[in-house]
Amino acid sequence: MARLKGFEKLTTVDNALSIFLDALKPKRLQAESVPLADAVERATADNIVAPMDLPRFDRSAVDGYAIRADDAFEATQFKPRTLKLTREEIVRKGYAKEVWTGNPVPEGATAVVMLEHTRKLKNGVEIVMPVTPGENISRKGEDIRKGEVAIEAGTRVNTYHLGLLAALGVSEVGVVRKPRVAIISTGNELVELGKVTSPGQIINSNRFLVSGLCRELGAEPEYLGIARDDEEDIRMKIVEGLAKADAVITTGGTSVGTADLVPLVISELGKPGIVVHGVAMRPGMPTALGILKRKPVFVLSGYPVAAAFGFEVFARPVILRLLGVQNEPRPWIEGRLTRRVAGALGRRVYLRVKAVEQKGELHAEPILAKGSGLLSSLTKANGYVIIPENREGLEEGETVTVHLFSPIARKED
């Protein structure tokens, strides 16, 4: 019956994360090599050093003529300088060589005149505008020098990185192995999608919610099914997850009711077991954090919104560390709150909002939601605002920071 009294003490969000990380000491996973085309969105394992200069040679930045800059001195439309054309790989005084964008600059040339600033003659070319030495020439190594760090370790490779690496001749990229995350749902009331047979059954939506959050970070979720409210069933699923994955996430069974058995089972499976249970946050208060076999075990609420924010606050930073990504905060903006909202003294509140741009101003519209089971409060929102533990609420018109998880909405003026 003592289990029904509720949490005697809640740990602050910052302390909970600090305690957990200090005990876990998460380390980056092993590296693996993948073809360049498969490296997008993967995290680089080590610094990628340029194996060559880029460009590899002095090259023309425009279509035109490579010349000696002093041959076009004081050239104008009314007093053009006429140069002879050459096909040799060297430009001598009084000569010009036709080049196209990206062509090597021939020996002897000190500038390239744009095609638009010339007039073609039968055996030569008229220059109608002067150029300075080096003009319209991309120098060897101007982009990146051989031996320079092209991409730092822990960087997520994007499409622009792919282009850079291809230009440098890199065909294989060392990336961090994707973390494998075992996902377990708990609860006698749960059924899989398409399996509802009677009233009172709840479709297991958390399976898809948590799996999607893992994939967004670059982790590989492995769903292990539903564990009933039975210690042995829960134990078997967690042991399986520890054997197969780098981290385990459970949803449900983490409060203090008689059927909330997950924290109990985790602590019985080994040391240190549960290191935090009950966090001063809303939603997500029943969140528990455990460690077994040096692997993180995240025990999230069965309510979808609470599970989402438990993942955001605790699982997200740990998975990023497993990937070797040290700094990847969500994008954020500042906007004005459109109405007053209440906080909860002593607890950190994660307020779902819709960030909207209208007439050049950014606004944060709170999503009306009474409980942590209302999934539509997530689909209607595109970000969240943190109400600190020491605030009773936020005032209408107050400037707030919105942490975005989808693009800003726009309203017509």
Protein backbone atom coordinates (compact mmCIF):
# COMPACT_ATOMS: atom_id res chain seq x y z
CA MET A 1 0.00 0.00 0.00
CA ALA A 2 2.96 2.32 0.51
CA ARG A 3 3.36 2.32 -3.26
CA LEU A 4 0.01 4.08 -3.59
CA LYS A 5 1.09 7.16 -1.59
CA GLY A 6 2.79 8.81 -4.54
CA PHE A 7 6.31 10.17 -4.94
CA GLU A 8 7.72 11.37 -1.64
CA LYS A 9 10.39 13.44 -3.37
CA LEU A 10 10.92 14.64 -6.93
CA THR A 11 14.33 15.30 -8.48
CA THR A 12 14.74 18.49 -10.50
CA VAL A 13 15.26 18.06 -14.23
CA ASP A 14 18.83 19.38 -14.15
CA ASN A 15 19.81 17.23 -11.18
CA ALA A 16 18.17 14.15 -12.67
CA LEU A 17 20.11 14.50 -15.91
CA SER A 18 23.35 15.26 -14.07
CA ILE A 19 22.98 12.25 -11.74
CA PHE A 20 22.18 9.99 -14.68
CA LEU A 21 25.03 11.14 -16.92
CA ASP A 22 27.55 10.99 -14.06
CA ALA A 23 26.55 7.40 -13.30
CA LEU A 24 26.26 6.29 -16.93
CA LYS A 25 29.26 8.08 -18.47
CA PRO A 26 27.98 7.45 -22.00
CA LYS A 27 30.65 6.90 -24.63
CA ARG A 28 30.55 7.21 -28.37
CA LEU A 29 29.88 3.95 -30.18
CA GLN A 30 32.32 2.29 -32.56
CA ALA A 31 33.07 3.64 -36.02
CA GLU A 32 32.24 2.03 -39.32
CA SER A 33 32.96 2.93 -42.93
CA VAL A 34 30.12 3.58 -45.38
CA PRO A 35 30.02 4.62 -49.05
CA LEU A 36 29.77 8.38 -49.54
CA ALA A 37 26.20 8.19 -50.86
CA ASP A 38 25.09 6.42 -47.65
CA ALA A 39 26.74 8.89 -45.28
CA VAL A 40 24.03 11.57 -45.29
CA GLU A 41 22.63 12.24 -41.79
CA ARG A 42 25.31 10.02 -40.24
CA ALA A 43 27.70 11.42 -37.63
CA THR A 44 31.38 11.54 -38.55
CA ALA A 45 33.57 9.40 -36.29
CA ASP A 46 36.77 11.40 -36.68
CA ASN A 47 37.99 14.61 -38.28
CA ILE A 48 37.98 14.24 -42.07
CA VAL A 49 41.19 15.78 -43.40
CA ALA A 50 41.40 17.07 -46.96
CA PRO A 51 43.60 14.68 -48.99
CA MET A 52 44.24 17.33 -51.64
CA ASP A 53 43.93 21.03 -52.36
CA LEU A 54 40.56 22.28 -53.55
CA PRO A 55 40.70 23.53 -56.23
CA ARG A 56 43.53 21.22 -57.26
CA PHE A 57 44.89 23.91 -59.60
CA ASP A 58 44.40 27.59 -60.41
CA ARG A 59 41.16 27.67 -62.41
CA SER A 60 39.03 30.19 -64.23
CA ALA A 61 35.99 31.42 -62.32
CA VAL A 62 34.27 32.67 -65.48
CA ASP A 63 33.97 32.07 -69.21
CA GLY A 64 36.39 34.38 -71.00
CA TYR A 65 40.02 34.88 -71.90
CA ALA A 66 43.15 34.24 -69.83
CA ILE A 67 45.58 37.13 -70.27
CA ARG A 68 48.40 39.01 -68.64
CA ALA A 69 46.62 41.68 -66.59
CA ASP A 70 49.00 44.44 -67.75
CA ASP A 71 47.98 43.77 -71.37
CA ALA A 72 44.51 45.19 -70.59
CA PHE A 73 45.75 48.22 -68.71
CA GLU A 74 43.42 51.23 -69.30
CA ALA A 75 41.27 49.26 -71.77
CA THR A 76 37.83 50.82 -72.45
CA GLN A 77 34.97 50.34 -74.90
CA PHE A 78 36.22 53.35 -76.82
CA LYS A 79 39.87 52.41 -76.59
CA PRO A 80 40.01 48.60 -76.49
CA ARG A 81 43.21 46.60 -76.26
CA THR A 82 43.58 44.03 -79.02
CA LEU A 83 45.29 40.70 -78.24
CA LYS A 84 46.17 37.76 -80.43
CA LEU A 85 44.65 34.34 -79.65
CA THR A 86 46.83 31.37 -78.77
CA ARG A 87 46.17 27.66 -78.42
CA GLU A 88 49.35 26.99 -76.51
CA GLU A 89 49.36 26.12 -72.79
CA ILE A 90 51.26 29.30 -72.06
CA VAL A 91 50.09 32.91 -72.42
CA ARG A 92 52.77 35.31 -73.54
CA LYS A 93 52.61 39.09 -73.58
CA GLY A 94 50.17 40.35 -76.19
CA TYR A 95 48.25 37.05 -76.32
CA ALA A 96 45.02 35.66 -74.88
CA LYS A 97 43.72 32.11 -74.51
CA GLU A 98 40.04 31.23 -74.49
CA VAL A 99 38.98 29.48 -71.25
CA TRP A 100 35.72 28.28 -69.75
CA THR A 101 34.61 28.22 -66.15
CA GLY A 102 36.62 25.59 -64.26
CA ASN A 103 39.41 25.34 -66.87
CA PRO A 104 43.00 25.47 -65.61
CA VAL A 105 44.55 28.91 -65.93
CA PRO A 106 47.41 28.58 -68.45
CA GLU A 107 50.96 29.38 -67.47
CA GLY A 108 51.83 33.07 -67.79
CA ALA A 109 48.23 34.32 -67.42
CA THR A 110 47.59 36.53 -64.40
CA ALA A 111 43.87 37.25 -64.84
CA VAL A 112 40.77 36.20 -66.78
CA VAL A 113 38.61 38.70 -68.64
CA MET A 114 34.90 37.90 -68.65
CA LEU A 115 33.47 37.05 -72.06
CA GLU A 116 31.00 39.94 -71.69
CA HIS A 117 33.93 42.39 -71.58
CA THR A 118 35.43 41.29 -74.89
CA ARG A 119 34.72 41.44 -78.63
CA LYS A 120 35.78 38.48 -80.75
CA LEU A 121 37.80 39.25 -83.88
CA LYS A 122 38.81 36.94 -86.71
CA ASN A 123 42.28 36.28 -85.35
CA GLY A 124 42.16 38.00 -81.99
CA VAL A 125 40.05 39.55 -79.29
CA GLU A 126 39.36 43.09 -78.13
CA ILE A 127 39.43 43.74 -74.37
CA VAL A 128 37.07 46.57 -73.41
CA MET A 129 37.59 46.59 -69.62
CA PRO A 130 40.75 46.35 -67.53
CA VAL A 131 41.38 43.55 -64.99
CA THR A 132 43.54 43.39 -61.91
CA PRO A 133 46.06 40.59 -61.28
CA GLY A 134 44.25 37.53 -59.93
CA GLU A 135 40.82 38.72 -61.07
CA ASN A 136 38.38 35.91 -61.94
CA ILE A 137 40.86 33.23 -60.90
CA SER A 138 40.14 30.65 -58.19
CA ARG A 139 43.51 29.85 -56.69
CA LYS A 140 44.73 26.35 -55.87
CA GLY A 141 43.66 25.50 -52.30
CA GLU A 142 41.45 28.59 -52.09
CA ASP A 143 38.52 26.46 -50.89
CA ILE A 144 40.40 23.97 -48.70
CA ARG A 145 44.11 23.26 -48.31
CA LYS A 146 45.52 19.76 -48.28
CA GLY A 147 45.78 18.62 -44.65
CA GLU A 148 43.09 21.01 -43.44
CA VAL A 149 40.11 19.61 -41.48
CA ALA A 150 37.26 19.52 -43.97
CA ILE A 151 34.62 18.15 -41.57
CA GLU A 152 35.00 17.86 -37.81
CA ALA A 153 34.28 14.70 -35.84
CA GLY A 154 30.73 14.49 -34.53
CA THR A 155 29.26 16.39 -37.47
CA ARG A 156 26.07 15.17 -39.11
CA VAL A 157 26.83 14.79 -42.79
CA ASN A 158 24.44 16.80 -44.97
CA THR A 159 24.09 17.04 -48.74
CA TYR A 160 26.58 19.92 -48.92
CA HIS A 161 29.14 17.81 -47.09
CA LEU A 162 28.57 15.08 -49.70
CA GLY A 163 29.43 17.53 -52.46
CA LEU A 164 32.57 18.71 -50.67
CA LEU A 165 33.79 15.18 -49.94
CA ALA A 166 33.16 14.09 -53.52
CA ALA A 167 35.16 17.07 -54.80
CA LEU A 168 37.99 16.00 -52.49
CA GLY A 169 37.91 12.48 -53.92
CA VAL A 170 36.59 10.88 -50.73
CA SER A 171 34.50 7.80 -51.56
CA GLU A 172 34.24 6.18 -48.09
CA VAL A 173 33.33 7.99 -44.87
CA GLY A 174 34.04 6.91 -41.29
CA VAL A 175 30.84 7.34 -39.30
CA VAL A 176 29.61 6.31 -35.88
CA ARG A 177 27.56 3.14 -35.75
CA LYS A 178 23.85 3.78 -35.33
CA PRO A 179 22.75 3.16 -31.73
CA ARG A 180 20.30 0.29 -31.42
CA VAL A 181 17.41 1.09 -29.08
CA ALA A 182 15.12 -1.63 -27.74
CA ILE A 183 11.55 -0.43 -27.25
CA ILE A 184 9.18 -2.16 -24.84
CA SER A 185 5.59 -1.16 -24.14
CA THR A 186 3.95 -2.29 -20.91
CA GLY A 187 0.36 -2.64 -19.78
CA ASN A 188 -2.46 -5.20 -19.75
CA GLU A 189 -4.72 -2.74 -21.55
CA LEU A 190 -2.47 -2.38 -24.60
CA VAL A 191 -3.09 -4.03 -27.97
CA GLU A 192 -1.26 -3.68 -31.27
CA LEU A 193 -2.59 -1.58 -34.11
CA GLY A 194 -5.45 -3.40 -35.83
CA LYS A 195 -5.98 -5.88 -32.95
CA VAL A 196 -8.68 -4.11 -30.90
CA THR A 197 -11.37 -6.63 -29.93
CA SER A 198 -13.15 -5.11 -26.94
CA PRO A 199 -13.90 -1.78 -25.18
CA GLY A 200 -11.23 -0.62 -22.76
CA GLN A 201 -8.33 -1.76 -24.91
CA ILE A 202 -5.80 0.91 -25.90
CA ILE A 203 -3.89 0.88 -29.19
CA ASN A 204 -0.15 0.88 -28.57
CA SER A 205 0.67 4.23 -30.20
CA ASN A 206 3.78 4.74 -28.05
CA ARG A 207 5.56 2.09 -30.09
CA PHE A 208 5.40 4.31 -33.17
CA LEU A 209 5.98 7.57 -31.30
CA VAL A 210 9.19 6.45 -29.60
CA SER A 211 10.46 4.59 -32.67
CA GLY A 212 10.02 7.75 -34.74
CA LEU A 213 11.87 9.88 -32.20
CA CYS A 214 14.77 7.40 -32.29
CA ARG A 215 14.92 7.43 -36.09
CA GLU A 216 14.91 11.23 -36.18
CA LEU A 217 18.14 11.18 -34.19
CA GLY A 218 19.75 8.50 -36.34
CA ALA A 219 19.21 5.55 -34.00
CA GLU A 220 17.77 2.17 -35.00
CA PRO A 221 14.71 1.21 -32.94
CA GLU A 222 13.93 -2.47 -32.33
CA TYR A 223 10.45 -3.07 -31.01
CA LEU A 224 10.26 -6.02 -28.63
CA GLY A 225 6.51 -6.08 -28.12
CA ILE A 226 4.12 -5.56 -25.22
CA ALA A 227 4.99 -6.75 -21.72
CA ARG A 228 2.00 -7.46 -19.50
CA ASP A 229 1.83 -6.15 -15.94
CA ASP A 230 3.79 -9.12 -14.72
CA GLU A 231 7.27 -9.00 -13.22
CA GLU A 232 8.56 -12.03 -15.12
CA ASP A 233 7.21 -10.81 -18.47
CA ILE A 234 8.77 -7.38 -17.94
CA ARG A 235 12.06 -8.93 -16.80
CA MET A 236 12.30 -11.14 -19.89
CA LYS A 237 11.71 -8.22 -22.24
CA ILE A 238 14.30 -6.00 -20.53
CA VAL A 239 16.92 -8.77 -20.52
CA GLU A 240 16.26 -9.30 -24.23
CA GLY A 241 16.63 -5.59 -24.86
CA LEU A 242 19.94 -5.41 -23.00
CA ALA A 243 21.26 -8.30 -25.10
CA LYS A 244 20.21 -6.80 -28.42
CA ALA A 245 20.61 -3.06 -28.04
CA ASP A 246 22.73 -0.19 -26.78
CA ALA A 247 19.83 1.35 -24.86
CA VAL A 248 16.39 0.30 -23.66
CA ILE A 249 13.24 2.41 -23.57
CA THR A 250 10.08 1.26 -21.81
CA THR A 251 6.74 3.07 -21.72
CA GLY A 252 4.16 2.60 -18.99
CA GLY A 253 4.35 0.96 -15.57
CA THR A 254 6.55 3.65 -14.06
CA SER A 255 4.33 5.42 -11.55
CA VAL A 256 3.66 4.22 -8.00
CA GLY A 257 0.55 2.08 -8.45
CA THR A 258 0.40 -1.65 -7.72
CA ALA A 259 0.74 -2.41 -11.45
CA ASP A 260 3.72 -0.09 -11.95
CA LEU A 261 6.40 -2.74 -11.83
CA VAL A 262 9.08 -1.60 -14.28
CA PRO A 263 11.36 0.36 -11.86
CA LEU A 264 11.12 -2.50 -9.35
CA VAL A 265 12.17 -5.09 -11.95
CA ILE A 266 15.07 -2.93 -13.18
CA SER A 267 16.49 -2.52 -9.68
CA GLU A 268 16.22 -6.27 -9.11
CA LEU A 269 18.12 -7.03 -12.35
CA GLY A 270 21.41 -5.50 -11.25
CA LYS A 271 23.35 -2.50 -10.07
CA PRO A 272 23.04 0.41 -10.11
CA GLY A 273 19.51 -0.20 -11.41
CA ILE A 274 17.23 2.81 -11.02
CA VAL A 275 19.21 5.97 -10.24
CA VAL A 276 16.36 8.48 -10.59
CA HIS A 277 12.62 7.94 -10.20
CA GLY A 278 10.22 10.85 -10.19
CA VAL A 279 11.25 14.10 -11.88
CA ALA A 280 9.94 17.59 -11.13
CA MET A 281 8.61 18.11 -14.64
CA ARG A 282 5.23 18.36 -16.31
CA PRO A 283 4.43 16.32 -18.30
CA GLY A 284 6.66 13.34 -17.46
CA MET A 285 6.79 13.32 -13.67
CA PRO A 286 6.89 9.47 -13.34
CA THR A 287 9.98 9.20 -15.56
CA ALA A 288 12.64 6.85 -14.20
CA LEU A 289 16.26 6.48 -15.31
CA GLY A 290 18.18 3.26 -14.87
CA ILE A 291 21.51 1.69 -15.78
CA LEU A 292 22.06 -2.03 -16.37
CA LYS A 293 25.18 -3.60 -17.89
CA ARG A 294 26.49 -0.04 -18.39
CA LYS A 295 23.57 0.65 -20.72
CA PRO A 296 20.90 3.33 -20.24
CA VAL A 297 17.35 2.26 -19.49
CA PHE A 298 14.73 5.00 -19.91
CA VAL A 299 11.46 4.29 -18.15
CA LEU A 300 8.93 6.67 -19.67
CA SER A 301 5.32 7.35 -18.86
CA GLY A 302 2.59 5.43 -20.65
CA TYR A 303 0.92 8.72 -21.55
CA PRO A 304 2.17 9.66 -25.04
CA VAL A 305 2.89 13.35 -24.42
CA ALA A 306 4.69 12.58 -21.15
CA ALA A 307 6.67 9.86 -22.94
CA ALA A 308 7.62 12.32 -25.70
CA PHE A 309 8.98 14.88 -23.24
CA GLY A 310 10.71 12.25 -21.13
CA PHE A 311 12.46 11.20 -24.34
CA GLU A 312 13.23 14.83 -25.26
CA VAL A 313 14.80 15.68 -21.92
CA PHE A 314 16.68 12.46 -21.12
CA ALA A 315 16.92 9.98 -24.01
CA ARG A 316 17.75 12.55 -26.69
CA PRO A 317 20.98 13.87 -25.10
CA VAL A 318 22.19 10.34 -24.31
CA ILE A 319 21.56 9.02 -27.82
CA LEU A 320 23.41 12.04 -29.22
CA ARG A 321 26.38 11.17 -27.01
CA LEU A 322 26.33 7.59 -28.26
CA LEU A 323 26.54 9.07 -31.74
CA GLY A 324 29.42 11.30 -30.70
CA VAL A 325 27.32 14.41 -31.41
CA GLN A 326 28.09 16.76 -28.53
CA ASN A 327 26.09 19.81 -29.50
CA GLU A 328 22.86 19.53 -31.44
CA PRO A 329 20.25 21.68 -29.74
CA ARG A 330 16.86 22.06 -31.31
CA PRO A 331 16.50 25.20 -33.42
CA TRP A 332 14.82 27.98 -31.50
CA ILE A 333 13.22 31.34 -32.00
CA GLU A 334 11.96 34.09 -29.74
CA GLY A 335 8.33 35.17 -29.93
CA ARG A 336 5.63 36.84 -27.89
CA LEU A 337 3.22 34.70 -25.94
CA THR A 338 -0.36 35.26 -27.11
CA ARG A 339 -2.01 34.59 -23.75
CA ARG A 340 -1.17 34.07 -20.10
CA VAL A 341 -0.36 30.50 -19.01
CA ALA A 342 0.00 28.98 -15.58
CA GLY A 343 3.10 27.19 -14.40
CA ALA A 344 3.60 24.75 -11.53
CA LEU A 345 5.89 26.03 -8.81
CA GLY A 346 8.60 23.50 -8.09
CA ARG A 347 8.21 21.76 -11.43
CA ARG A 348 9.54 22.56 -14.90
CA VAL A 349 6.65 22.79 -17.34
CA TYR A 350 7.05 21.97 -21.03
CA LEU A 351 4.33 24.02 -22.68
CA ARG A 352 3.32 22.97 -26.18
CA VAL A 353 2.96 25.98 -28.47
CA LYS A 354 2.44 26.86 -32.09
CA ALA A 355 5.03 29.36 -33.32
CA VAL A 356 3.44 31.63 -35.90
CA GLU A 357 4.84 34.43 -38.06
CA GLN A 358 2.38 37.19 -38.93
CA LYS A 359 3.13 40.63 -40.31
CA GLY A 360 6.81 40.09 -39.66
CA GLU A 361 6.32 39.28 -35.98
CA LEU A 362 6.72 35.93 -34.24
CA HIS A 363 4.07 34.73 -31.81
CA ALA A 364 3.84 31.69 -29.56
CA GLU A 365 0.27 30.39 -29.29
CA PRO A 366 -0.19 27.98 -26.33
CA ILE A 367 -1.97 24.74 -27.19
CA LEU A 368 -4.92 24.17 -24.88
CA ALA A 369 -4.32 20.75 -23.32
CA LYS A 370 -5.40 19.50 -19.92
CA GLY A 371 -3.63 16.14 -19.85
CA SER A 372 -0.48 14.35 -20.96
CA GLY A 373 -2.43 11.80 -22.98
CA LEU A 374 -3.69 14.22 -25.63
CA LEU A 375 -1.68 13.39 -28.73
CA SER A 376 -3.27 16.20 -30.72
CA SER A 377 -1.45 18.69 -28.47
CA LEU A 378 1.74 17.49 -30.16
CA THR A 379 0.40 17.49 -33.71
CA LYS A 380 -1.05 20.99 -33.33
CA ALA A 381 2.20 22.32 -31.87
CA ASN A 382 5.50 22.96 -33.63
CA GLY A 383 7.57 23.57 -30.52
CA TYR A 384 7.61 24.02 -26.80
CA VAL A 385 8.31 26.72 -24.23
CA ILE A 386 9.90 25.96 -20.86
CA ILE A 387 8.25 27.48 -17.80
CA PRO A 388 10.94 27.43 -15.08
CA GLU A 389 10.38 25.81 -11.71
CA ASN A 390 10.42 29.19 -9.95
CA ARG A 391 7.70 30.81 -12.09
CA GLU A 392 3.98 30.71 -11.34
CA GLY A 393 3.32 31.29 -15.00
CA LEU A 394 4.10 33.39 -18.05
CA GLU A 395 2.31 36.59 -18.99
CA GLU A 396 0.58 37.49 -22.24
CA GLY A 397 2.98 39.43 -24.46
CA GLU A 398 6.05 38.09 -22.66
CA THR A 399 8.99 37.21 -24.91
CA VAL A 400 9.65 33.47 -24.74
CA THR A 401 12.06 31.03 -26.34
CA VAL A 402 10.36 28.42 -28.52
CA HIS A 403 12.27 25.18 -29.08
CA LEU A 404 11.12 24.01 -32.50
CA PHE A 405 10.46 20.45 -33.61
CA SER A 406 8.79 21.44 -36.92
CA PRO A 407 8.74 24.55 -39.15
CA ILE A 408 7.24 27.88 -38.12
CA ALA A 409 3.66 28.41 -39.24
CA ARG A 410 2.75 31.53 -41.23
CA LYS A 411 -0.46 33.48 -41.30
CA GLU A 412 -1.47 35.75 -44.16
CA ASP A 413 -1.26 39.44 -43.32
